C-alpha atoms as a PDB file:
ATOM      1  CA  UNK A   1      37.752  12.594  20.499  1.00  0.00           C
ATOM      2  CA  UNK A   2      37.387  13.855  16.959  1.00  0.00           C
ATOM      3  CA  UNK A   3      36.625  17.375  15.977  1.00  0.00           C
ATOM      4  CA  UNK A   4      35.429  18.880  12.737  1.00  0.00           C
ATOM      5  CA  UNK A   5      32.271  19.551  10.814  1.00  0.00           C
ATOM      6  CA  UNK A   6      29.633  16.909  10.624  1.00  0.00           C
ATOM      7  CA  UNK A   7      27.855  16.160   7.404  1.00  0.00           C
ATOM      8  CA  UNK A   8      24.081  16.584   7.288  1.00  0.00           C
ATOM      9  CA  UNK A   9      21.983  13.442   7.293  1.00  0.00           C
ATOM     10  CA  UNK A  10      20.854  12.266   3.888  1.00  0.00           C
ATOM     11  CA  UNK A  11      17.466  10.890   3.005  1.00  0.00           C
ATOM     12  CA  UNK A  12      16.859   9.011  -0.203  1.00  0.00           C
ATOM     13  CA  UNK A  13      14.264   9.113  -2.937  1.00  0.00           C
ATOM     14  CA  UNK A  14      13.432   6.538  -5.540  1.00  0.00           C
ATOM     15  CA  UNK A  15      12.898   8.471  -8.779  1.00  0.00           C
ATOM     16  CA  UNK A  16      11.029   7.157 -11.807  1.00  0.00           C
ATOM     17  CA  UNK A  17      11.497   9.347 -14.906  1.00  0.00           C
ATOM     18  CA  UNK A  18       8.916   9.354 -17.663  1.00  0.00           C
ATOM     19  CA  UNK A  19      10.041   7.856 -20.968  1.00  0.00           C
ATOM     20  CA  UNK A  20       7.845  10.184 -23.033  1.00  0.00           C
ATOM     21  CA  UNK A  21       7.908  13.472 -21.089  1.00  0.00           C
ATOM     22  CA  UNK A  22      11.394  14.500 -20.006  1.00  0.00           C
ATOM     23  CA  UNK A  23      10.163  16.842 -17.251  1.00  0.00           C
ATOM     24  CA  UNK A  24       7.692  14.331 -15.776  1.00  0.00           C
ATOM     25  CA  UNK A  25       8.785  12.066 -12.938  1.00  0.00           C
ATOM     26  CA  UNK A  26       7.529  10.341  -9.808  1.00  0.00           C
ATOM     27  CA  UNK A  27       9.548  10.176  -6.584  1.00  0.00           C
ATOM     28  CA  UNK A  28       8.955   8.539  -3.243  1.00  0.00           C
ATOM     29  CA  UNK A  29      11.041   8.149  -0.084  1.00  0.00           C
ATOM     30  CA  UNK A  30      13.234   5.076   0.276  1.00  0.00           C
ATOM     31  CA  UNK A  31      16.304   3.837   2.130  1.00  0.00           C
ATOM     32  CA  UNK A  32      19.840   3.789   0.738  1.00  0.00           C
ATOM     33  CA  UNK A  33      19.208   0.480  -1.036  1.00  0.00           C
ATOM     34  CA  UNK A  34      15.950   1.641  -2.662  1.00  0.00           C
ATOM     35  CA  UNK A  35      13.539  -0.127  -0.311  1.00  0.00           C
ATOM     36  CA  UNK A  36      10.202   1.710  -0.037  1.00  0.00           C
ATOM     37  CA  UNK A  37       8.091   1.279   3.117  1.00  0.00           C
ATOM     38  CA  UNK A  38       4.666   1.291   1.513  1.00  0.00           C
ATOM     39  CA  UNK A  39       2.869   1.511   4.873  1.00  0.00           C
ATOM     40  CA  UNK A  40       4.382   4.992   5.299  1.00  0.00           C
ATOM     41  CA  UNK A  41       3.043   6.275   1.963  1.00  0.00           C
ATOM     42  CA  UNK A  42      -0.314   7.964   1.529  1.00  0.00           C
ATOM     43  CA  UNK A  43      -2.887   6.026  -0.448  1.00  0.00           C
ATOM     44  CA  UNK A  44      -2.293   8.232  -3.508  1.00  0.00           C
ATOM     45  CA  UNK A  45       1.505   7.954  -3.265  1.00  0.00           C
ATOM     46  CA  UNK A  46       1.246   4.159  -2.830  1.00  0.00           C
ATOM     47  CA  UNK A  47      -0.991   3.912  -5.906  1.00  0.00           C
ATOM     48  CA  UNK A  48       1.392   6.088  -7.958  1.00  0.00           C
ATOM     49  CA  UNK A  49       4.408   4.071  -6.772  1.00  0.00           C
ATOM     50  CA  UNK A  50       2.781   0.763  -7.727  1.00  0.00           C
ATOM     51  CA  UNK A  51       1.798   2.163 -11.135  1.00  0.00           C
ATOM     52  CA  UNK A  52       5.313   3.488 -11.781  1.00  0.00           C
ATOM     53  CA  UNK A  53       6.878   0.198 -10.724  1.00  0.00           C
ATOM     54  CA  UNK A  54       4.501  -1.837 -12.893  1.00  0.00           C
ATOM     55  CA  UNK A  55       5.102   0.290 -15.994  1.00  0.00           C
ATOM     56  CA  UNK A  56       8.917   0.425 -15.958  1.00  0.00           C
ATOM     57  CA  UNK A  57      10.087   0.060 -19.538  1.00  0.00           C
ATOM     58  CA  UNK A  58       6.774   1.245 -21.014  1.00  0.00           C
ATOM     59  CA  UNK A  59       5.918   4.521 -19.237  1.00  0.00           C
ATOM     60  CA  UNK A  60       8.812   5.040 -16.809  1.00  0.00           C
ATOM     61  CA  UNK A  61      12.554   4.365 -16.930  1.00  0.00           C
ATOM     62  CA  UNK A  62      14.056   2.070 -14.291  1.00  0.00           C
ATOM     63  CA  UNK A  63      14.167   3.904 -10.950  1.00  0.00           C
ATOM     64  CA  UNK A  64      17.223   5.727  -9.630  1.00  0.00           C
ATOM     65  CA  UNK A  65      18.126   6.171  -5.967  1.00  0.00           C
ATOM     66  CA  UNK A  66      19.015   9.777  -5.218  1.00  0.00           C
ATOM     67  CA  UNK A  67      20.334  11.243  -1.978  1.00  0.00           C
ATOM     68  CA  UNK A  68      18.548  14.307  -0.653  1.00  0.00           C
ATOM     69  CA  UNK A  69      20.428  16.384   1.910  1.00  0.00           C
ATOM     70  CA  UNK A  70      18.367  17.415   4.892  1.00  0.00           C
END
């Protein structure tokens, strides 16, 4: 039996940062490897995700996986 504090579970976001507007970004939930379950996204979020993914290098930087503590 081990004792001690447990760490909170972490969720992950895939973050696309705008190349032209430093403060602008798009994020969506993903797993630790960056896989996005598109069926779990709203229609608007799915559309934004597909746009961000299609415009990497022109509008958005390559995505980063970030951990979000819950």
